[in-house]
Amino acid sequence: MKSDIEIARECRLKPIEDIARQVQIPVDELEHYGKYISKVPESLIDEKKVENSNLILVTAITPTKAGIGKTTVSVGLALGLSYIGKKNIVALREPSLGPCFGLKGGAAGGGYAQILPMDKINLHFTGDFHAVTSAHNMIAALLDNYIYQHRDEGFAMKEILWKRVLDINDRNLRYVVTGLGAKTNGVTMESGFDITPASEIMAILCLSKDEHDLRRRIENILLGTTIEGKPFRVKDMGVAGAICVLLKDALHPNLVQTTENTPAIVHGGPFANIAHGCNSILATKLAMTYADYVVTEAGFGADLGAEKFFNIKCRESGLNPKLTILVATTQGLKMHGGVALEDIKKPHSEGLKKGFENLDKHIRNMQAFGQTVVVCFNRYATDVDSEIELCREHCENMGVGFAVNNAFSEGGKGAVELAELVVDTIANRPSRPVVFSYTDRDNIETKAEKVVRQVYGADGVVFSTAARKMLERVRQLGIEDYPVCIAKTQYSFSADAHAYGVPHGFKVQIRDIVVNCGAEMIVLIAGDILRMPGLPKSPQAERIDLIDGRIEGLS
């Protein structure tokens, strides 16, 4: 089969004005970034129309290195809904340069179910990631300068919590020392880098309701503690307005199209293993303003992205999905069933059946959030019909809808079964209002306990000495009402990346806590997860090239 970028080149794109007209987005409101990309002002959101739209969440079983294809399913469902005549928009996150040049090579869907122009979306797009990176690092530079300029007045920081970010996987930047050399180079101090999707600015962009809310959140960012023991925030430097200027255009969602010219709104890009893993509230609500059905996704497995979608994004926005789709593959199920990686493409019914335990745990979790669940089987070329039917039979016995997705190879026609199941299920058995895992009144320890026990199946949570010190800081700041955002490996319900299936008899170790006063959430760092990834031995960058003016290797 042709590569993703070859398929993308063959697709005939429509002018972005035509895509906007399909869903009655006013053309004169578009801010163009070339012929096929535009920004759409969030001021067009109509809350009454949002209430009448049908929001569909796409999530997945615990992912494996074999891949699951959640974005391909999300785009494929949008194609399928269009194929059967339903007015819809797919609302997704923006790709990060880190994975694109590291492991994945692209994150705009796959095959004949992509968002386009995929090369621009995967690379610099409309500059949102660069704006977030610049805004975050501008705060770091302004903080360093504030300390330097005011040190003769007796100002000093006892603790600095604000690091730097970069949208590149670079393990050498995890821990750094700045200000070395002459006194004019600044104050020597330890620092480090996270990847841009883990930036609190990224979370703020995705959770802000409007420009005023953006400013409020930026002002409230906690940068550290002064020598007197007082919290020091962005508003104490008087620079929140400058940061808002850097983010002014990034706040507006981006309009693009799919391989079959279905509208797509793409905005924001936090990872679900180290951040909250959802696209912006503004993008989702803008899509819901103009479409009867809106397909969105949450990153990685349902224990990460979907949990945070409900407990953070829905709590903050009031959104209530009408349906949750759980994506599964035979390869993923077999890995969770104990089949070796090199054998997962071969028939192995017993391993497949054993892997159903992971699927079932995710189904029960989503149902506990009040969701009606359907399982989407994302078909790969190596799949055999007998194993697909085993999956169908198992889901039917669970009382859960089941559909096969062939959009990767067939486009919208290959997603008709899924689209029809989705429309029928929403009409006859829509989800209940979201049931949160915890209440705002619960303290941070209780919130963590409830998530790890109810969602992960753990026996409890253990906080390190450093984490307990930060818990005390949270209490002193009076922000225990914030939701928790647990950063952990995506490859397991536990914090152990090698514990496939459904592990039992484990506790989740919280080694550190990051306080996000602007994003209004408490990030709990579990196990050995890192917020600045490293590159693999053979990064995808080795296969990306520019040949005769054409990009190759983004697949």
Protein backbone atom coordinates (compact mmCIF):
# COMPACT_ATOMS: atom_id res chain seq x y z
CA MET A 1 0.00 0.00 0.00
CA LYS A 2 1.11 3.58 -0.62
CA SER A 3 2.64 5.57 2.22
CA ASP A 4 0.57 8.12 4.11
CA ILE A 5 2.32 11.05 2.48
CA GLU A 6 1.86 9.54 -1.00
CA ILE A 7 -1.88 9.17 -0.36
CA ALA A 8 -2.02 12.70 1.02
CA ARG A 9 -0.41 14.11 -2.12
CA GLU A 10 -2.96 12.40 -4.34
CA CYS A 11 -5.95 13.87 -2.49
CA ARG A 12 -7.59 16.85 -4.11
CA LEU A 13 -7.89 19.52 -1.45
CA LYS A 14 -10.67 22.06 -1.52
CA PRO A 15 -10.07 25.74 -0.72
CA ILE A 16 -10.55 26.27 2.99
CA GLU A 17 -13.48 28.62 2.26
CA ASP A 18 -15.38 25.70 0.72
CA ILE A 19 -14.71 23.56 3.80
CA ALA A 20 -16.05 26.34 6.03
CA ARG A 21 -19.18 26.72 3.89
CA GLN A 22 -19.98 23.01 4.29
CA VAL A 23 -20.81 23.63 7.96
CA GLN A 24 -21.83 27.31 7.65
CA ILE A 25 -18.74 28.79 9.30
CA PRO A 26 -18.74 32.44 8.11
CA VAL A 27 -16.04 32.73 5.45
CA ASP A 28 -15.31 36.37 6.25
CA GLU A 29 -14.29 35.30 9.79
CA LEU A 30 -11.46 33.07 8.54
CA GLU A 31 -7.84 34.06 9.02
CA HIS A 32 -5.98 32.33 6.21
CA TYR A 33 -2.70 30.45 6.47
CA GLY A 34 -2.39 29.62 2.78
CA LYS A 35 -5.09 28.01 0.63
CA TYR A 36 -6.01 25.06 2.86
CA ILE A 37 -5.58 26.18 6.48
CA SER A 38 -7.24 28.93 8.45
CA LYS A 39 -7.82 30.03 11.99
CA VAL A 40 -11.38 30.53 13.22
CA PRO A 41 -12.12 32.95 16.07
CA GLU A 42 -13.42 31.32 19.23
CA SER A 43 -15.93 34.18 19.53
CA LEU A 44 -18.13 32.21 17.10
CA ILE A 45 -18.90 29.60 19.78
CA ASP A 46 -22.62 29.42 20.55
CA GLU A 47 -23.29 27.60 23.83
CA LYS A 48 -26.90 26.85 22.91
CA LYS A 49 -25.79 25.07 19.74
CA VAL A 50 -23.11 23.26 21.73
CA GLU A 51 -25.83 21.77 23.93
CA ASN A 52 -27.65 20.35 20.90
CA SER A 53 -24.60 18.73 19.29
CA ASN A 54 -23.58 15.10 19.77
CA LEU A 55 -20.05 14.76 21.15
CA ILE A 56 -18.29 11.42 20.57
CA LEU A 57 -15.10 10.55 22.46
CA VAL A 58 -12.61 8.15 20.86
CA THR A 59 -10.24 6.39 23.24
CA ALA A 60 -8.49 3.01 23.28
CA ILE A 61 -7.28 -0.04 25.11
CA THR A 62 -3.82 0.22 26.67
CA PRO A 63 -1.55 1.02 23.70
CA THR A 64 1.42 -1.08 22.69
CA LYS A 65 4.43 -0.37 20.52
CA ALA A 66 2.51 -2.11 17.73
CA GLY A 67 0.13 0.87 17.64
CA ILE A 68 -3.64 1.17 17.98
CA GLY A 69 -4.66 3.79 15.38
CA LYS A 70 -6.92 5.98 17.47
CA THR A 71 -6.49 9.08 15.28
CA THR A 72 -7.11 7.01 12.16
CA VAL A 73 -10.37 5.78 13.72
CA SER A 74 -11.37 9.33 14.72
CA VAL A 75 -10.81 10.65 11.20
CA GLY A 76 -12.32 7.49 9.70
CA LEU A 77 -15.49 7.91 11.76
CA ALA A 78 -15.82 11.49 10.52
CA LEU A 79 -15.49 10.18 6.95
CA GLY A 80 -18.05 7.48 7.64
CA LEU A 81 -20.53 9.95 9.13
CA SER A 82 -20.15 12.16 6.06
CA TYR A 83 -20.61 9.11 3.82
CA ILE A 84 -24.02 8.43 5.40
CA GLY A 85 -25.01 12.10 5.17
CA LYS A 86 -24.38 13.34 8.71
CA LYS A 87 -23.06 16.85 9.28
CA ASN A 88 -19.94 16.41 11.37
CA ILE A 89 -16.54 17.81 12.30
CA VAL A 90 -13.57 15.94 13.75
CA ALA A 91 -11.77 17.89 16.51
CA LEU A 92 -8.23 16.72 17.21
CA ARG A 93 -4.97 17.69 18.88
CA GLU A 94 -2.00 19.07 16.99
CA PRO A 95 1.01 16.78 16.45
CA SER A 96 4.29 17.40 18.28
CA LEU A 97 7.63 17.56 16.49
CA GLY A 98 9.12 15.31 19.18
CA PRO A 99 7.28 12.08 18.24
CA CYS A 100 7.20 13.01 14.53
CA PHE A 101 11.00 13.00 14.36
CA GLY A 102 11.38 10.39 17.08
CA LEU A 103 9.12 7.33 17.05
CA LYS A 104 6.03 7.98 14.96
CA GLY A 105 6.93 9.99 11.87
CA GLY A 106 3.52 11.69 11.83
CA ALA A 107 0.31 12.05 13.83
CA ALA A 108 -2.38 13.13 11.41
CA GLY A 109 -4.13 9.78 10.96
CA GLY A 110 -3.15 7.20 8.39
CA GLY A 111 -3.88 5.71 4.98
CA TYR A 112 -7.08 7.08 3.50
CA ALA A 113 -8.18 8.53 6.86
CA GLN A 114 -5.97 11.55 7.37
CA ILE A 115 -6.25 15.25 8.09
CA LEU A 116 -4.65 17.43 5.44
CA PRO A 117 -2.33 19.04 4.47
CA MET A 118 -0.56 16.42 6.60
CA ASP A 119 2.99 17.71 6.05
CA LYS A 120 2.14 21.19 7.30
CA ILE A 121 0.02 19.87 10.19
CA ASN A 122 2.85 17.56 11.30
CA LEU A 123 5.48 20.29 11.05
CA HIS A 124 5.04 23.99 11.87
CA PHE A 125 1.30 24.25 11.04
CA THR A 126 0.06 27.70 12.17
CA GLY A 127 2.79 28.17 14.76
CA ASP A 128 0.72 27.31 17.85
CA PHE A 129 3.39 25.03 19.31
CA HIS A 130 6.05 27.66 18.69
CA ALA A 131 3.88 30.28 20.38
CA VAL A 132 3.44 28.06 23.44
CA THR A 133 7.18 27.33 23.53
CA SER A 134 8.04 31.03 23.19
CA ALA A 135 5.53 32.10 25.83
CA HIS A 136 6.75 29.48 28.29
CA ASN A 137 10.42 30.34 27.77
CA MET A 138 9.72 34.06 27.82
CA ILE A 139 8.38 33.61 31.35
CA ALA A 140 11.57 31.74 32.26
CA ALA A 141 13.75 34.51 30.81
CA LEU A 142 11.72 37.23 32.50
CA LEU A 143 11.95 35.41 35.83
CA ASP A 144 15.73 35.03 35.54
CA ASN A 145 15.99 38.70 34.64
CA TYR A 146 13.76 39.73 37.55
CA ILE A 147 15.99 37.85 39.98
CA TYR A 148 19.13 39.34 38.40
CA GLN A 149 17.84 42.92 38.33
CA HIS A 150 16.39 42.91 41.85
CA ARG A 151 19.06 40.96 43.74
CA ASP A 152 20.74 44.11 45.04
CA GLU A 153 17.40 45.06 46.59
CA GLY A 154 17.42 41.88 48.65
CA PHE A 155 15.09 39.90 46.37
CA ALA A 156 15.85 36.21 46.04
CA MET A 157 14.04 32.99 45.33
CA LYS A 158 14.12 30.15 47.81
CA GLU A 159 12.77 27.73 45.21
CA ILE A 160 12.10 28.01 41.48
CA LEU A 161 9.44 25.69 40.06
CA TRP A 162 9.37 26.99 36.48
CA LYS A 163 11.50 25.09 33.96
CA ARG A 164 11.91 25.58 30.22
CA VAL A 165 10.34 23.68 27.29
CA LEU A 166 11.27 22.60 23.78
CA ASP A 167 9.20 20.64 21.25
CA ILE A 168 12.03 18.21 20.54
CA ASN A 169 12.93 14.97 22.30
CA ASP A 170 16.27 15.83 23.96
CA ARG A 171 17.33 13.83 27.02
CA ASN A 172 20.44 16.01 27.48
CA LEU A 173 18.23 18.94 28.46
CA ARG A 174 16.37 17.21 31.30
CA TYR A 175 18.69 18.79 33.88
CA VAL A 176 20.82 21.85 33.11
CA VAL A 177 22.67 24.65 34.90
CA THR A 178 22.13 28.20 33.65
CA GLY A 179 23.89 31.50 34.26
CA LEU A 180 27.43 30.10 34.25
CA GLY A 181 30.41 32.39 33.63
CA ALA A 182 30.63 36.10 34.32
CA LYS A 183 28.21 37.85 36.69
CA THR A 184 26.69 39.61 33.68
CA ASN A 185 25.51 36.20 32.44
CA GLY A 186 22.91 36.08 35.20
CA VAL A 187 22.48 34.15 38.43
CA THR A 188 23.77 30.58 38.36
CA MET A 189 20.97 28.11 39.07
CA GLU A 190 19.75 24.62 38.24
CA SER A 191 16.98 24.21 35.72
CA GLY A 192 15.79 21.78 33.06
CA PHE A 193 13.53 21.27 30.06
CA ASP A 194 10.20 19.52 29.55
CA ILE A 195 8.77 18.86 26.10
CA THR A 196 6.32 21.55 24.94
CA PRO A 197 3.20 19.29 25.20
CA ALA A 198 3.91 19.09 28.97
CA SER A 199 4.05 22.88 29.32
CA GLU A 200 1.57 24.47 31.69
CA ILE A 201 1.05 27.08 28.97
CA MET A 202 -0.15 24.28 26.67
CA ALA A 203 -2.62 23.13 29.32
CA ILE A 204 -3.76 26.71 29.88
CA LEU A 205 -4.31 27.19 26.13
CA CYS A 206 -6.43 24.03 26.04
CA LEU A 207 -8.48 24.82 29.15
CA SER A 208 -9.07 28.56 28.72
CA LYS A 209 -12.61 29.70 27.95
CA ASP A 210 -11.62 32.96 26.24
CA GLU A 211 -8.97 35.68 26.16
CA HIS A 212 -9.89 36.98 29.62
CA ASP A 213 -9.67 33.52 31.12
CA LEU A 214 -6.30 33.04 29.39
CA ARG A 215 -4.94 36.19 31.07
CA ARG A 216 -6.33 35.19 34.47
CA ARG A 217 -4.70 31.79 34.28
CA ILE A 218 -1.35 33.15 33.10
CA GLU A 219 -1.28 35.68 35.93
CA ASN A 220 -1.88 32.86 38.41
CA ILE A 221 1.03 30.65 37.27
CA LEU A 222 3.15 29.75 40.30
CA LEU A 223 6.83 30.31 39.52
CA GLY A 224 8.28 29.46 42.92
CA THR A 225 8.75 30.71 46.47
CA THR A 226 10.59 33.84 47.61
CA ILE A 227 13.24 33.82 50.32
CA GLU A 228 10.50 35.02 52.68
CA GLY A 229 8.45 31.91 51.89
CA LYS A 230 5.80 33.72 49.82
CA PRO A 231 4.43 32.34 46.51
CA PHE A 232 5.75 34.20 43.48
CA ARG A 233 3.52 34.30 40.40
CA VAL A 234 3.59 35.71 36.89
CA LYS A 235 1.36 38.60 37.99
CA ASP A 236 4.06 39.64 40.49
CA MET A 237 6.34 40.44 37.53
CA GLY A 238 3.60 42.35 35.69
CA VAL A 239 4.19 40.55 32.40
CA ALA A 240 0.97 38.57 31.86
CA GLY A 241 -0.08 40.97 29.10
CA ALA A 242 3.12 40.30 27.15
CA ILE A 243 2.56 36.54 27.41
CA CYS A 244 -1.02 36.97 26.19
CA VAL A 245 0.34 38.86 23.18
CA LEU A 246 2.54 35.89 22.28
CA LEU A 247 -0.50 33.59 22.54
CA LYS A 248 -3.04 35.88 20.85
CA ASP A 249 -3.20 33.99 17.54
CA ALA A 250 -2.54 30.58 19.10
CA LEU A 251 -5.78 30.90 21.06
CA HIS A 252 -7.83 30.60 17.83
CA PRO A 253 -8.60 27.02 16.67
CA ASN A 254 -7.37 25.82 13.27
CA LEU A 255 -9.64 24.65 10.44
CA VAL A 256 -8.36 22.03 7.96
CA GLN A 257 -9.90 19.07 6.10
CA THR A 258 -9.74 15.30 5.79
CA THR A 259 -8.78 13.12 2.84
CA GLU A 260 -12.47 13.28 1.79
CA ASN A 261 -12.86 17.02 2.51
CA THR A 262 -14.71 16.65 5.81
CA PRO A 263 -14.05 19.67 8.07
CA ALA A 264 -11.51 19.17 10.86
CA ILE A 265 -10.64 21.52 13.71
CA VAL A 266 -7.17 20.90 15.12
CA HIS A 267 -5.95 22.78 18.19
CA GLY A 268 -3.69 22.24 21.19
CA GLY A 269 -1.46 19.27 21.85
CA PRO A 270 -0.83 18.06 25.42
CA PHE A 271 0.33 14.43 25.76
CA ALA A 272 -1.88 12.19 27.90
CA ASN A 273 0.96 10.36 29.64
CA ILE A 274 2.62 13.54 30.97
CA ALA A 275 -0.22 16.08 30.71
CA HIS A 276 -4.02 16.01 30.31
CA GLY A 277 -4.04 14.76 26.71
CA CYS A 278 -7.04 16.55 25.17
CA ASN A 279 -7.48 19.18 22.48
CA SER A 280 -8.73 22.61 23.50
CA ILE A 281 -12.14 23.27 25.00
CA LEU A 282 -12.47 26.09 22.47
CA ALA A 283 -11.88 23.75 19.52
CA THR A 284 -14.37 21.18 20.77
CA LYS A 285 -17.07 23.79 21.43
CA LEU A 286 -16.43 25.52 18.13
CA ALA A 287 -16.90 22.21 16.32
CA MET A 288 -20.08 21.53 18.31
CA THR A 289 -21.41 24.96 17.32
CA TYR A 290 -21.31 24.01 13.64
CA ALA A 291 -21.88 20.25 13.50
CA ASP A 292 -24.53 17.77 14.57
CA TYR A 293 -21.85 15.19 15.40
CA VAL A 294 -18.37 16.00 16.70
CA VAL A 295 -15.68 13.35 16.94
CA THR A 296 -12.83 14.04 19.35
CA GLU A 297 -10.13 11.91 20.92
CA ALA A 298 -8.11 11.70 24.11
CA GLY A 299 -4.50 10.55 24.07
CA PHE A 300 -3.16 7.04 24.68
CA GLY A 301 -5.30 4.48 26.55
CA ALA A 302 -8.58 5.18 28.32
CA ASP A 303 -6.85 5.06 31.73
CA LEU A 304 -4.91 8.19 30.73
CA GLY A 305 -6.56 10.39 28.10
CA ALA A 306 -10.18 9.43 28.74
CA GLU A 307 -9.85 9.61 32.53
CA LYS A 308 -8.44 13.13 32.21
CA PHE A 309 -11.00 14.04 29.54
CA PHE A 310 -13.75 13.32 32.04
CA ASN A 311 -12.16 14.38 35.32
CA ILE A 312 -10.43 17.50 33.99
CA LYS A 313 -11.83 18.67 30.64
CA CYS A 314 -15.49 17.79 31.23
CA ARG A 315 -15.33 19.08 34.81
CA GLU A 316 -13.92 22.39 33.56
CA SER A 317 -16.12 22.79 30.47
CA GLY A 318 -19.41 21.09 31.31
CA LEU A 319 -19.11 18.87 28.22
CA ASN A 320 -20.90 15.50 28.22
CA PRO A 321 -20.08 13.00 25.46
CA LYS A 322 -23.06 11.12 24.08
CA LEU A 323 -20.89 8.08 23.40
CA THR A 324 -17.40 6.70 24.00
CA ILE A 325 -15.67 4.55 21.39
CA LEU A 326 -12.98 2.16 22.60
CA VAL A 327 -10.48 1.27 19.86
CA ALA A 328 -8.91 -2.19 19.88
CA THR A 329 -6.71 -4.24 17.57
CA THR A 330 -5.83 -7.92 17.48
CA GLN A 331 -2.15 -7.04 17.77
CA GLY A 332 -2.70 -4.95 20.89
CA LEU A 333 -4.96 -7.55 22.47
CA LYS A 334 -2.44 -10.31 21.78
CA MET A 335 0.37 -8.36 23.41
CA HIS A 336 -1.80 -7.92 26.49
CA GLY A 337 -2.55 -11.62 26.27
CA GLY A 338 1.12 -12.50 26.61
CA VAL A 339 2.00 -13.07 22.94
CA ALA A 340 5.55 -12.02 22.03
CA LEU A 341 5.91 -8.86 19.96
CA GLU A 342 7.39 -10.73 17.00
CA ASP A 343 4.35 -13.07 16.89
CA ILE A 344 1.42 -10.67 17.29
CA LYS A 345 0.73 -10.50 13.55
CA LYS A 346 0.22 -14.26 13.42
CA PRO A 347 -3.09 -15.98 14.35
CA HIS A 348 -3.19 -16.71 18.10
CA SER A 349 -6.74 -17.08 19.36
CA GLU A 350 -5.77 -18.01 22.92
CA GLY A 351 -3.54 -14.95 23.29
CA LEU A 352 -6.32 -12.83 21.82
CA LYS A 353 -8.86 -14.15 24.31
CA LYS A 354 -6.47 -13.55 27.21
CA GLY A 355 -6.09 -9.96 25.99
CA PHE A 356 -9.83 -9.40 26.37
CA GLU A 357 -9.13 -8.83 30.07
CA ASN A 358 -7.51 -5.49 29.19
CA LEU A 359 -10.41 -4.56 26.90
CA ASP A 360 -12.98 -5.44 29.53
CA LYS A 361 -11.27 -3.37 32.22
CA HIS A 362 -11.38 -0.30 29.97
CA ILE A 363 -15.03 -0.95 29.10
CA ARG A 364 -15.98 -1.14 32.78
CA ASN A 365 -14.00 2.02 33.50
CA MET A 366 -15.79 4.00 30.81
CA GLN A 367 -19.16 2.71 31.96
CA ALA A 368 -18.29 3.86 35.48
CA PHE A 369 -17.93 7.38 34.06
CA GLY A 370 -21.55 7.07 32.87
CA GLN A 371 -20.61 6.32 29.29
CA THR A 372 -22.31 4.12 26.75
CA VAL A 373 -19.43 2.26 25.11
CA VAL A 374 -18.98 0.76 21.67
CA VAL A 375 -15.85 -1.08 20.60
CA CYS A 376 -14.25 -0.20 17.28
CA PHE A 377 -12.04 -2.92 15.87
CA ASN A 378 -9.35 -1.14 13.85
CA ARG A 379 -8.48 -3.59 11.10
CA TYR A 380 -4.92 -4.22 9.97
CA ALA A 381 -3.92 -6.01 6.75
CA THR A 382 -2.67 -9.06 8.70
CA ASP A 383 -5.95 -9.62 10.58
CA VAL A 384 -7.95 -12.79 9.95
CA ASP A 385 -11.75 -12.92 9.93
CA SER A 386 -11.96 -15.66 12.56
CA GLU A 387 -10.20 -13.50 15.17
CA ILE A 388 -12.31 -10.47 14.29
CA GLU A 389 -15.41 -12.58 14.88
CA LEU A 390 -14.02 -13.69 18.24
CA CYS A 391 -13.81 -10.01 19.19
CA ARG A 392 -17.32 -9.34 17.93
CA GLU A 393 -18.75 -12.28 19.83
CA HIS A 394 -16.98 -11.24 23.02
CA CYS A 395 -18.34 -7.69 22.82
CA GLU A 396 -21.85 -8.94 22.11
CA ASN A 397 -21.63 -11.11 25.22
CA MET A 398 -20.55 -8.00 27.14
CA GLY A 399 -23.61 -6.14 25.83
CA VAL A 400 -21.37 -3.68 24.01
CA GLY A 401 -21.73 -2.55 20.40
CA PHE A 402 -19.02 -3.63 17.97
CA ALA A 403 -17.96 -2.42 14.53
CA VAL A 404 -14.99 -2.95 12.24
CA ASN A 405 -13.16 0.07 10.90
CA ASN A 406 -11.59 -0.22 7.43
CA ALA A 407 -11.12 3.50 6.86
CA PHE A 408 -7.34 3.17 6.65
CA SER A 409 -7.61 1.27 3.40
CA GLU A 410 -11.08 2.29 2.15
CA GLY A 411 -11.76 5.79 3.49
CA GLY A 412 -15.30 6.72 4.47
CA LYS A 413 -16.83 3.66 2.82
CA GLY A 414 -14.79 1.50 5.19
CA ALA A 415 -16.22 3.25 8.25
CA VAL A 416 -19.92 3.02 7.40
CA GLU A 417 -20.54 0.15 9.84
CA LEU A 418 -19.00 2.19 12.65
CA ALA A 419 -20.82 5.39 11.67
CA GLU A 420 -24.21 3.67 11.54
CA LEU A 421 -23.59 2.00 14.92
CA VAL A 422 -22.62 5.36 16.43
CA VAL A 423 -25.71 7.17 15.12
CA ASP A 424 -28.04 4.36 16.22
CA THR A 425 -26.47 4.09 19.69
CA ILE A 426 -26.65 7.84 20.32
CA ALA A 427 -30.29 7.87 19.23
CA ASN A 428 -31.33 4.92 21.40
CA ARG A 429 -28.80 4.53 24.24
CA PRO A 430 -26.87 7.77 24.78
CA SER A 431 -24.49 8.14 27.69
CA ARG A 432 -25.61 9.47 31.04
CA PRO A 433 -24.11 12.73 32.38
CA VAL A 434 -20.45 12.28 33.31
CA VAL A 435 -19.83 10.65 36.68
CA PHE A 436 -16.53 11.97 38.04
CA SER A 437 -14.07 9.76 39.91
CA TYR A 438 -13.85 12.22 42.78
CA THR A 439 -15.35 15.46 44.05
CA ASP A 440 -13.72 18.87 44.21
CA ARG A 441 -13.91 18.65 48.01
CA ASP A 442 -11.71 15.55 48.19
CA ASN A 443 -8.10 16.28 49.13
CA ILE A 444 -5.30 15.44 46.70
CA GLU A 445 -4.43 12.12 48.36
CA THR A 446 -8.06 11.01 48.20
CA LYS A 447 -8.39 12.04 44.56
CA ALA A 448 -5.27 10.07 43.68
CA GLU A 449 -6.48 7.05 45.66
CA LYS A 450 -9.81 7.04 43.86
CA VAL A 451 -8.23 7.22 40.40
CA VAL A 452 -5.59 4.53 40.99
CA ARG A 453 -8.07 2.16 42.64
CA GLN A 454 -11.10 2.71 40.41
CA VAL A 455 -9.37 3.26 37.05
CA TYR A 456 -5.99 1.50 37.32
CA GLY A 457 -7.08 -1.32 39.64
CA ALA A 458 -4.23 -0.58 42.05
CA ASP A 459 -4.16 -1.35 45.76
CA GLY A 460 -3.39 2.25 46.60
CA VAL A 461 -0.96 5.10 46.14
CA VAL A 462 2.34 5.87 47.89
CA PHE A 463 3.77 9.40 48.01
CA SER A 464 7.52 9.98 48.22
CA THR A 465 9.01 12.42 50.72
CA ALA A 466 9.41 15.03 47.98
CA ALA A 467 5.81 14.53 46.87
CA ARG A 468 4.52 14.88 50.44
CA LYS A 469 6.43 18.13 50.77
CA MET A 470 4.58 19.41 47.70
CA LEU A 471 1.27 18.18 49.10
CA GLU A 472 1.85 20.45 52.06
CA ARG A 473 2.52 23.30 49.64
CA VAL A 474 -0.80 22.58 47.93
CA ARG A 475 -2.59 22.75 51.28
CA GLN A 476 -0.91 26.03 52.17
CA LEU A 477 -1.91 27.52 48.83
CA GLY A 478 -5.53 26.44 49.38
CA ILE A 479 -5.82 24.69 46.01
CA GLU A 480 -6.82 21.17 47.03
CA ASP A 481 -10.01 21.62 45.03
CA TYR A 482 -8.00 21.28 41.80
CA PRO A 483 -8.30 18.00 39.86
CA VAL A 484 -5.33 15.65 39.68
CA CYS A 485 -3.47 14.88 36.46
CA ILE A 486 -1.45 11.69 36.89
CA ALA A 487 1.61 11.37 34.65
CA LYS A 488 2.53 7.73 34.12
CA THR A 489 3.54 5.25 31.46
CA GLN A 490 1.02 4.71 28.68
CA TYR A 491 1.89 1.03 28.30
CA SER A 492 0.24 -0.29 31.46
CA PHE A 493 -2.51 0.34 33.98
CA SER A 494 0.33 0.43 36.51
CA ALA A 495 3.42 2.66 36.54
CA ASP A 496 5.46 -0.29 35.24
CA ALA A 497 5.70 -0.07 31.44
CA HIS A 498 6.23 -3.84 31.16
CA ALA A 499 3.14 -4.89 33.15
CA TYR A 500 0.82 -5.71 30.25
CA GLY A 501 -2.77 -6.91 30.44
CA VAL A 502 -4.43 -6.09 33.74
CA PRO A 503 -1.83 -6.16 36.53
CA HIS A 504 -2.92 -6.85 40.10
CA GLY A 505 -1.47 -6.36 43.56
CA PHE A 506 0.45 -3.16 42.87
CA LYS A 507 0.59 0.35 44.29
CA VAL A 508 1.28 3.51 42.33
CA GLN A 509 4.36 5.39 43.50
CA ILE A 510 4.11 9.20 43.22
CA ARG A 511 7.67 10.48 43.19
CA ASP A 512 6.99 14.19 42.60
CA ILE A 513 4.24 16.78 42.19
CA VAL A 514 4.03 19.72 39.80
CA VAL A 515 1.67 22.49 40.87
CA ASN A 516 -0.16 24.07 37.91
CA CYS A 517 -1.98 27.05 39.42
CA GLY A 518 -2.66 28.55 36.00
CA ALA A 519 -4.01 25.36 34.46
CA GLU A 520 -5.70 24.70 37.82
CA MET A 521 -4.62 21.08 38.19
CA ILE A 522 -2.12 19.15 40.27
CA VAL A 523 0.24 16.96 38.22
CA LEU A 524 1.32 13.79 40.03
CA ILE A 525 4.47 12.19 38.58
CA ALA A 526 4.19 8.40 38.90
CA GLY A 527 6.97 5.84 38.58
CA ASP A 528 9.84 6.71 36.26
CA ILE A 529 7.85 8.68 33.66
CA LEU A 530 9.81 11.62 32.21
CA ARG A 531 8.36 14.90 30.95
CA MET A 532 11.19 15.27 28.44
CA PRO A 533 11.37 12.12 26.27
CA GLY A 534 14.56 10.88 24.66
CA LEU A 535 15.10 9.73 21.09
CA PRO A 536 15.18 6.02 20.17
CA LYS A 537 18.28 4.31 18.78
CA SER A 538 16.98 4.81 15.24
CA PRO A 539 14.81 7.96 15.25
CA GLN A 540 12.34 8.62 12.47
CA ALA A 541 14.45 11.66 11.58
CA GLU A 542 16.82 9.25 9.81
CA ARG A 543 14.04 8.49 7.32
CA ILE A 544 12.66 12.00 6.82
CA ASP A 545 14.07 13.85 3.84
CA LEU A 546 13.47 16.66 1.37
CA ILE A 547 13.82 15.32 -2.18
CA ASP A 548 13.29 17.63 -5.15
CA GLY A 549 11.23 19.92 -2.96
CA ARG A 550 9.00 17.12 -1.63
CA ILE A 551 8.94 15.84 1.93
CA GLU A 552 9.42 12.10 2.42
CA GLY A 553 9.25 9.96 5.56
CA LEU A 554 6.30 11.56 7.35
CA SER A 555 4.24 8.37 7.57
